[in-house]
Amino acid sequence: MTGRVSPFHCPYCGDENLRPGEAGHGAWECHSCLRAFTLSFTGHLARPEGVTR
């Protein structure tokens, strides 16, 4: 996973009219519902015991 993946749709309205936001890394603006949001990678989850790929 890279830090450069862009969202495909707005998490609020579902529209695809997104632009990078001015607030910095991970910031996005939806020009359909006029909301701004950020995306960030939090970390990896522990694999449950007994589960394989």
N, C-alpha and C. Protein backbone atom coordinates (compact mmCIF):
# COMPACT_ATOMS: atom_id res chain seq x y z
N MET A 1 0.85 -1.17 0.00
CA MET A 1 0.00 0.00 0.00
C MET A 1 0.89 1.24 0.00
N THR A 2 0.53 2.21 -0.78
CA THR A 2 1.30 3.44 -0.82
C THR A 2 0.47 4.57 -0.23
N GLY A 3 1.12 5.66 0.08
CA GLY A 3 0.43 6.82 0.61
C GLY A 3 -0.19 7.67 -0.47
N ARG A 4 -0.15 7.23 -1.71
CA ARG A 4 -0.63 8.03 -2.82
C ARG A 4 -1.93 7.53 -3.43
N VAL A 5 -2.59 6.66 -2.77
CA VAL A 5 -3.86 6.13 -3.28
C VAL A 5 -4.94 7.18 -3.07
N SER A 6 -5.73 7.42 -4.09
CA SER A 6 -6.79 8.41 -3.98
C SER A 6 -8.14 7.71 -3.82
N PRO A 7 -9.08 8.35 -3.12
CA PRO A 7 -10.40 7.74 -2.97
C PRO A 7 -11.16 7.75 -4.29
N PHE A 8 -12.04 6.79 -4.47
CA PHE A 8 -12.84 6.70 -5.69
C PHE A 8 -14.14 7.49 -5.59
N HIS A 9 -14.64 7.67 -4.35
CA HIS A 9 -15.89 8.39 -4.16
C HIS A 9 -15.91 9.03 -2.78
N CYS A 10 -16.78 10.00 -2.62
CA CYS A 10 -16.95 10.70 -1.35
C CYS A 10 -17.59 9.76 -0.33
N PRO A 11 -17.06 9.68 0.90
CA PRO A 11 -17.66 8.81 1.91
C PRO A 11 -19.00 9.34 2.43
N TYR A 12 -19.36 10.58 2.12
CA TYR A 12 -20.61 11.17 2.59
C TYR A 12 -21.74 11.06 1.57
N CYS A 13 -21.46 11.46 0.31
CA CYS A 13 -22.53 11.47 -0.68
C CYS A 13 -22.34 10.42 -1.79
N GLY A 14 -21.16 9.83 -1.88
CA GLY A 14 -20.91 8.80 -2.87
C GLY A 14 -20.52 9.31 -4.25
N ASP A 15 -20.48 10.62 -4.43
CA ASP A 15 -20.14 11.18 -5.73
C ASP A 15 -18.64 11.06 -6.00
N GLU A 16 -18.25 11.17 -7.25
CA GLU A 16 -16.84 11.04 -7.64
C GLU A 16 -16.19 12.39 -7.95
N ASN A 17 -16.84 13.49 -7.61
CA ASN A 17 -16.34 14.83 -7.91
C ASN A 17 -15.38 15.28 -6.80
N LEU A 18 -14.23 14.61 -6.68
CA LEU A 18 -13.25 14.87 -5.62
C LEU A 18 -12.03 15.60 -6.15
N ARG A 19 -11.47 16.43 -5.28
CA ARG A 19 -10.23 17.13 -5.59
C ARG A 19 -9.33 17.08 -4.35
N PRO A 20 -8.01 17.05 -4.53
CA PRO A 20 -7.12 17.11 -3.36
C PRO A 20 -7.39 18.40 -2.58
N GLY A 21 -7.39 18.29 -1.26
CA GLY A 21 -7.67 19.44 -0.41
C GLY A 21 -6.43 20.27 -0.15
N GLU A 22 -6.64 21.49 0.30
CA GLU A 22 -5.55 22.40 0.60
C GLU A 22 -4.99 22.20 2.00
N ALA A 23 -5.63 21.38 2.83
CA ALA A 23 -5.21 21.18 4.21
C ALA A 23 -3.97 20.29 4.34
N GLY A 24 -3.49 19.74 3.26
CA GLY A 24 -2.27 18.94 3.34
C GLY A 24 -2.46 17.50 2.91
N HIS A 25 -1.50 16.68 3.31
CA HIS A 25 -1.47 15.27 2.91
C HIS A 25 -2.72 14.53 3.37
N GLY A 26 -3.39 13.85 2.47
CA GLY A 26 -4.56 13.06 2.80
C GLY A 26 -5.86 13.83 2.81
N ALA A 27 -5.81 15.13 2.55
CA ALA A 27 -7.02 15.95 2.57
C ALA A 27 -7.69 15.92 1.20
N TRP A 28 -9.01 15.80 1.22
CA TRP A 28 -9.81 15.76 -0.01
C TRP A 28 -11.03 16.63 0.15
N GLU A 29 -11.52 17.16 -0.97
CA GLU A 29 -12.72 17.98 -1.00
C GLU A 29 -13.70 17.40 -2.00
N CYS A 30 -14.95 17.30 -1.59
CA CYS A 30 -16.01 16.85 -2.50
C CYS A 30 -16.73 18.09 -3.00
N HIS A 31 -16.71 18.30 -4.29
CA HIS A 31 -17.34 19.49 -4.87
C HIS A 31 -18.82 19.26 -5.20
N SER A 32 -19.33 18.09 -4.82
CA SER A 32 -20.76 17.83 -4.97
C SER A 32 -21.51 18.18 -3.69
N CYS A 33 -21.03 17.67 -2.55
CA CYS A 33 -21.71 17.95 -1.28
C CYS A 33 -20.99 19.02 -0.46
N LEU A 34 -19.88 19.53 -1.00
CA LEU A 34 -19.10 20.61 -0.38
C LEU A 34 -18.58 20.25 1.00
N ARG A 35 -18.13 19.01 1.15
CA ARG A 35 -17.52 18.56 2.41
C ARG A 35 -16.05 18.29 2.19
N ALA A 36 -15.28 18.48 3.23
CA ALA A 36 -13.85 18.20 3.20
C ALA A 36 -13.57 17.08 4.20
N PHE A 37 -12.65 16.19 3.87
CA PHE A 37 -12.32 15.07 4.74
C PHE A 37 -10.86 14.68 4.53
N THR A 38 -10.33 13.91 5.46
CA THR A 38 -8.96 13.41 5.34
C THR A 38 -8.97 11.90 5.40
N LEU A 39 -8.02 11.30 4.74
CA LEU A 39 -7.81 9.86 4.76
C LEU A 39 -6.42 9.61 5.32
N SER A 40 -6.31 8.61 6.18
CA SER A 40 -4.99 8.26 6.71
C SER A 40 -4.93 6.76 6.97
N PHE A 41 -3.73 6.24 6.92
CA PHE A 41 -3.49 4.83 7.22
C PHE A 41 -3.18 4.73 8.70
N THR A 42 -3.95 3.93 9.43
CA THR A 42 -3.78 3.82 10.86
C THR A 42 -2.76 2.75 11.24
N GLY A 43 -2.80 1.60 10.59
CA GLY A 43 -1.87 0.52 10.90
C GLY A 43 -2.42 -0.82 10.45
N HIS A 44 -1.68 -1.86 10.76
CA HIS A 44 -2.08 -3.22 10.41
C HIS A 44 -2.78 -3.87 11.60
N LEU A 45 -3.74 -4.72 11.31
CA LEU A 45 -4.43 -5.49 12.34
C LEU A 45 -3.69 -6.79 12.58
N ALA A 46 -3.79 -7.30 13.78
CA ALA A 46 -3.20 -8.59 14.10
C ALA A 46 -4.04 -9.68 13.44
N ARG A 47 -3.37 -10.65 12.84
CA ARG A 47 -4.07 -11.75 12.20
C ARG A 47 -4.60 -12.69 13.30
N PRO A 48 -5.90 -13.03 13.25
CA PRO A 48 -6.46 -13.94 14.26
C PRO A 48 -5.74 -15.30 14.22
N GLU A 49 -5.62 -15.91 15.36
CA GLU A 49 -4.93 -17.19 15.47
C GLU A 49 -5.64 -18.24 14.64
N GLY A 50 -4.89 -19.00 13.86
CA GLY A 50 -5.44 -20.06 13.04
C GLY A 50 -5.89 -19.61 11.65
N VAL A 51 -5.82 -18.32 11.34
CA VAL A 51 -6.22 -17.82 10.03
C VAL A 51 -4.98 -17.66 9.17
N THR A 52 -5.03 -18.20 7.97
CA THR A 52 -3.92 -18.05 7.04
C THR A 52 -4.38 -17.24 5.84
N ARG A 53 -3.44 -16.78 5.09
CA ARG A 53 -3.77 -16.00 3.91
C ARG A 53 -4.46 -16.86 2.95
